[in-house]
C-alpha atoms as a PDB file:
ATOM      1  CA  UNK A   1      66.406  58.048  69.654  1.00  0.00           C
ATOM      2  CA  UNK A   2      67.516  55.231  71.994  1.00  0.00           C
ATOM      3  CA  UNK A   3      71.113  56.302  71.507  1.00  0.00           C
ATOM      4  CA  UNK A   4      70.271  59.903  72.485  1.00  0.00           C
ATOM      5  CA  UNK A   5      68.342  58.710  75.546  1.00  0.00           C
ATOM      6  CA  UNK A   6      71.238  56.489  76.693  1.00  0.00           C
ATOM      7  CA  UNK A   7      73.701  59.331  76.157  1.00  0.00           C
ATOM      8  CA  UNK A   8      71.548  61.682  78.237  1.00  0.00           C
ATOM      9  CA  UNK A   9      71.357  59.142  81.047  1.00  0.00           C
ATOM     10  CA  UNK A  10      75.130  58.621  81.009  1.00  0.00           C
ATOM     11  CA  UNK A  11      75.730  62.385  81.081  1.00  0.00           C
ATOM     12  CA  UNK A  12      73.228  62.741  83.951  1.00  0.00           C
ATOM     13  CA  UNK A  13      74.924  59.972  85.969  1.00  0.00           C
ATOM     14  CA  UNK A  14      78.349  61.527  85.347  1.00  0.00           C
ATOM     15  CA  UNK A  15      77.095  64.903  86.514  1.00  0.00           C
ATOM     16  CA  UNK A  16      75.705  63.359  89.672  1.00  0.00           C
ATOM     17  CA  UNK A  17      79.026  61.634  90.306  1.00  0.00           C
ATOM     18  CA  UNK A  18      80.919  64.900  89.862  1.00  0.00           C
ATOM     19  CA  UNK A  19      78.699  66.890  92.210  1.00  0.00           C
ATOM     20  CA  UNK A  20      79.831  65.460  95.520  1.00  0.00           C
ATOM     21  CA  UNK A  21      78.844  66.912  98.829  1.00  0.00           C
ATOM     22  CA  UNK A  22      81.536  67.920 101.263  1.00  0.00           C
ATOM     23  CA  UNK A  23      80.983  66.961 104.859  1.00  0.00           C
ATOM     24  CA  UNK A  24      82.949  68.599 107.646  1.00  0.00           C
ATOM     25  CA  UNK A  25      84.853  66.142 109.742  1.00  0.00           C
ATOM     26  CA  UNK A  26      84.871  66.871 113.453  1.00  0.00           C
ATOM     27  CA  UNK A  27      88.518  66.995 114.502  1.00  0.00           C
ATOM     28  CA  UNK A  28      87.551  65.537 117.905  1.00  0.00           C
ATOM     29  CA  UNK A  29      86.454  62.234 116.342  1.00  0.00           C
ATOM     30  CA  UNK A  30      89.821  60.551 116.965  1.00  0.00           C
ATOM     31  CA  UNK A  31      90.295  61.978 120.440  1.00  0.00           C
ATOM     32  CA  UNK A  32      89.608  60.003 123.579  1.00  0.00           C
ATOM     33  CA  UNK A  33      88.195  63.132 125.263  1.00  0.00           C
ATOM     34  CA  UNK A  34      88.479  66.926 125.294  1.00  0.00           C
ATOM     35  CA  UNK A  35      91.702  66.615 127.307  1.00  0.00           C
ATOM     36  CA  UNK A  36      93.173  63.285 126.181  1.00  0.00           C
ATOM     37  CA  UNK A  37      94.221  62.631 122.604  1.00  0.00           C
ATOM     38  CA  UNK A  38      95.403  59.065 123.208  1.00  0.00           C
ATOM     39  CA  UNK A  39      96.574  56.541 125.787  1.00  0.00           C
ATOM     40  CA  UNK A  40      98.528  53.317 125.932  1.00  0.00           C
ATOM     41  CA  UNK A  41      99.493  50.792 128.587  1.00  0.00           C
ATOM     42  CA  UNK A  42     101.350  47.502 128.426  1.00  0.00           C
ATOM     43  CA  UNK A  43     102.988  44.986 130.733  1.00  0.00           C
ATOM     44  CA  UNK A  44     106.142  42.916 130.407  1.00  0.00           C
ATOM     45  CA  UNK A  45     107.574  40.032 132.404  1.00  0.00           C
ATOM     46  CA  UNK A  46     111.331  40.081 132.947  1.00  0.00           C
ATOM     47  CA  UNK A  47     113.527  37.573 134.723  1.00  0.00           C
ATOM     48  CA  UNK A  48     113.438  36.857 138.475  1.00  0.00           C
ATOM     49  CA  UNK A  49     109.755  37.812 138.863  1.00  0.00           C
ATOM     50  CA  UNK A  50     110.238  41.361 137.550  1.00  0.00           C
ATOM     51  CA  UNK A  51     107.003  42.833 136.133  1.00  0.00           C
ATOM     52  CA  UNK A  52     107.207  46.198 134.341  1.00  0.00           C
ATOM     53  CA  UNK A  53     104.163  48.290 133.449  1.00  0.00           C
ATOM     54  CA  UNK A  54     104.568  50.865 130.685  1.00  0.00           C
ATOM     55  CA  UNK A  55     102.141  53.747 130.129  1.00  0.00           C
ATOM     56  CA  UNK A  56     101.719  56.873 128.049  1.00  0.00           C
ATOM     57  CA  UNK A  57      99.145  59.621 127.638  1.00  0.00           C
ATOM     58  CA  UNK A  58      98.978  62.380 125.044  1.00  0.00           C
ATOM     59  CA  UNK A  59      97.065  65.536 125.880  1.00  0.00           C
ATOM     60  CA  UNK A  60      95.180  67.714 123.429  1.00  0.00           C
ATOM     61  CA  UNK A  61      97.485  70.653 124.254  1.00  0.00           C
ATOM     62  CA  UNK A  62     100.128  71.622 126.812  1.00  0.00           C
ATOM     63  CA  UNK A  63      98.629  70.279 130.038  1.00  0.00           C
ATOM     64  CA  UNK A  64      99.199  71.452 133.600  1.00  0.00           C
ATOM     65  CA  UNK A  65      99.108  67.821 134.796  1.00  0.00           C
ATOM     66  CA  UNK A  66      99.504  64.662 132.718  1.00  0.00           C
ATOM     67  CA  UNK A  67     100.361  61.036 133.460  1.00  0.00           C
ATOM     68  CA  UNK A  68      99.235  58.047 135.515  1.00  0.00           C
ATOM     69  CA  UNK A  69      97.273  58.762 138.691  1.00  0.00           C
ATOM     70  CA  UNK A  70      97.036  55.149 139.860  1.00  0.00           C
ATOM     71  CA  UNK A  71      98.181  51.752 138.609  1.00  0.00           C
ATOM     72  CA  UNK A  72      96.651  48.591 140.055  1.00  0.00           C
ATOM     73  CA  UNK A  73      98.602  45.353 139.559  1.00  0.00           C
ATOM     74  CA  UNK A  74      96.691  42.068 139.846  1.00  0.00           C
ATOM     75  CA  UNK A  75      98.126  38.575 140.383  1.00  0.00           C
ATOM     76  CA  UNK A  76      96.364  35.363 139.339  1.00  0.00           C
ATOM     77  CA  UNK A  77      97.651  32.050 140.705  1.00  0.00           C
ATOM     78  CA  UNK A  78      95.250  30.018 138.582  1.00  0.00           C
ATOM     79  CA  UNK A  79      92.541  29.929 141.250  1.00  0.00           C
ATOM     80  CA  UNK A  80      92.284  33.433 142.682  1.00  0.00           C
ATOM     81  CA  UNK A  81      93.048  36.859 141.282  1.00  0.00           C
ATOM     82  CA  UNK A  82      94.049  39.496 143.821  1.00  0.00           C
ATOM     83  CA  UNK A  83      95.413  43.024 143.936  1.00  0.00           C
ATOM     84  CA  UNK A  84      99.102  42.831 144.881  1.00  0.00           C
ATOM     85  CA  UNK A  85     100.381  46.373 144.329  1.00  0.00           C
ATOM     86  CA  UNK A  86      99.034  49.909 143.930  1.00  0.00           C
ATOM     87  CA  UNK A  87     101.384  52.428 142.354  1.00  0.00           C
ATOM     88  CA  UNK A  88     100.745  56.136 143.116  1.00  0.00           C
ATOM     89  CA  UNK A  89     102.609  59.339 142.157  1.00  0.00           C
ATOM     90  CA  UNK A  90     103.248  60.050 145.855  1.00  0.00           C
ATOM     91  CA  UNK A  91     105.548  56.987 145.846  1.00  0.00           C
ATOM     92  CA  UNK A  92     106.668  57.050 142.179  1.00  0.00           C
ATOM     93  CA  UNK A  93     107.219  60.648 141.045  1.00  0.00           C
ATOM     94  CA  UNK A  94     107.846  59.545 137.443  1.00  0.00           C
ATOM     95  CA  UNK A  95     104.141  58.710 137.031  1.00  0.00           C
ATOM     96  CA  UNK A  96     103.037  62.362 136.568  1.00  0.00           C
ATOM     97  CA  UNK A  97     104.437  65.342 134.699  1.00  0.00           C
ATOM     98  CA  UNK A  98     103.528  69.018 134.266  1.00  0.00           C
ATOM     99  CA  UNK A  99     103.380  71.607 131.490  1.00  0.00           C
ATOM    100  CA  UNK A 100     103.770  69.197 128.590  1.00  0.00           C
ATOM    101  CA  UNK A 101     101.474  67.537 126.063  1.00  0.00           C
ATOM    102  CA  UNK A 102     102.848  63.986 126.481  1.00  0.00           C
ATOM    103  CA  UNK A 103     104.037  61.796 129.316  1.00  0.00           C
ATOM    104  CA  UNK A 104     105.168  58.198 129.216  1.00  0.00           C
ATOM    105  CA  UNK A 105     107.191  56.118 131.653  1.00  0.00           C
ATOM    106  CA  UNK A 106     107.070  52.825 133.570  1.00  0.00           C
ATOM    107  CA  UNK A 107     106.925  51.313 137.038  1.00  0.00           C
ATOM    108  CA  UNK A 108     108.293  47.958 138.152  1.00  0.00           C
ATOM    109  CA  UNK A 109     107.133  45.270 140.567  1.00  0.00           C
ATOM    110  CA  UNK A 110     109.969  43.011 141.740  1.00  0.00           C
ATOM    111  CA  UNK A 111     108.027  40.360 143.665  1.00  0.00           C
ATOM    112  CA  UNK A 112     106.332  38.408 140.861  1.00  0.00           C
ATOM    113  CA  UNK A 113     106.017  34.671 141.374  1.00  0.00           C
ATOM    114  CA  UNK A 114     107.154  32.484 138.479  1.00  0.00           C
ATOM    115  CA  UNK A 115     104.166  30.843 136.787  1.00  0.00           C
ATOM    116  CA  UNK A 116     101.603  33.338 138.114  1.00  0.00           C
ATOM    117  CA  UNK A 117      99.863  35.705 135.713  1.00  0.00           C
ATOM    118  CA  UNK A 118      99.834  39.490 136.088  1.00  0.00           C
ATOM    119  CA  UNK A 119      97.764  42.275 134.578  1.00  0.00           C
ATOM    120  CA  UNK A 120      97.332  45.951 135.364  1.00  0.00           C
ATOM    121  CA  UNK A 121      94.735  48.700 135.208  1.00  0.00           C
ATOM    122  CA  UNK A 122      96.358  52.060 134.497  1.00  0.00           C
ATOM    123  CA  UNK A 123      94.428  55.276 135.197  1.00  0.00           C
ATOM    124  CA  UNK A 124      95.720  58.045 132.934  1.00  0.00           C
ATOM    125  CA  UNK A 125      94.909  61.714 133.487  1.00  0.00           C
ATOM    126  CA  UNK A 126      95.299  64.898 131.497  1.00  0.00           C
ATOM    127  CA  UNK A 127      94.339  68.274 132.995  1.00  0.00           C
ATOM    128  CA  UNK A 128      94.548  71.983 132.238  1.00  0.00           C
ATOM    129  CA  UNK A 129      92.945  75.115 133.681  1.00  0.00           C
ATOM    130  CA  UNK A 130      89.645  74.280 131.933  1.00  0.00           C
ATOM    131  CA  UNK A 131      89.211  70.810 133.420  1.00  0.00           C
ATOM    132  CA  UNK A 132      90.483  67.248 133.281  1.00  0.00           C
ATOM    133  CA  UNK A 133      89.704  63.708 132.279  1.00  0.00           C
ATOM    134  CA  UNK A 134      90.886  60.277 133.395  1.00  0.00           C
ATOM    135  CA  UNK A 135      90.777  57.116 131.298  1.00  0.00           C
ATOM    136  CA  UNK A 136      91.443  53.567 132.516  1.00  0.00           C
ATOM    137  CA  UNK A 137      93.704  51.656 130.146  1.00  0.00           C
ATOM    138  CA  UNK A 138      93.972  47.901 130.808  1.00  0.00           C
ATOM    139  CA  UNK A 139      97.130  45.969 129.947  1.00  0.00           C
ATOM    140  CA  UNK A 140      97.300  42.473 128.614  1.00  0.00           C
ATOM    141  CA  UNK A 141      98.321  39.549 130.816  1.00  0.00           C
ATOM    142  CA  UNK A 142     101.849  38.175 131.290  1.00  0.00           C
ATOM    143  CA  UNK A 143     103.226  35.171 133.122  1.00  0.00           C
ATOM    144  CA  UNK A 144     106.072  35.845 135.572  1.00  0.00           C
ATOM    145  CA  UNK A 145     109.364  34.029 134.908  1.00  0.00           C
ATOM    146  CA  UNK A 146     112.230  32.754 137.019  1.00  0.00           C
END
């Protein structure tokens, strides 16, 4: 009798394990927004005070406007952090693109001071006829070199 009871319990547990529920996964769960699938921004220090900021944004579809709307570059001398450069598409046409689902490029600051630290805040936008969204992507920090 004990053997039959144990067998019934094992069969019952196996049946429960085999009857799994299926849950729908919302495809938007990995998106940053309804218009932006993903973003990235980074910063690199080159020689002679050259600071390059890289950025990319992937839209959820072909977008009428996609790219970086504004990039703020900050300098820290060890005591004070201050804004030293603002990059805008009106001055750097490579920051924005049209009628594509991805845009990535870079901008460069040539006046970095060796030993000072630099970081950037990159505002990335993706827009279509239904609307738009902008996400701020911070970079890490780099130290300018000679």
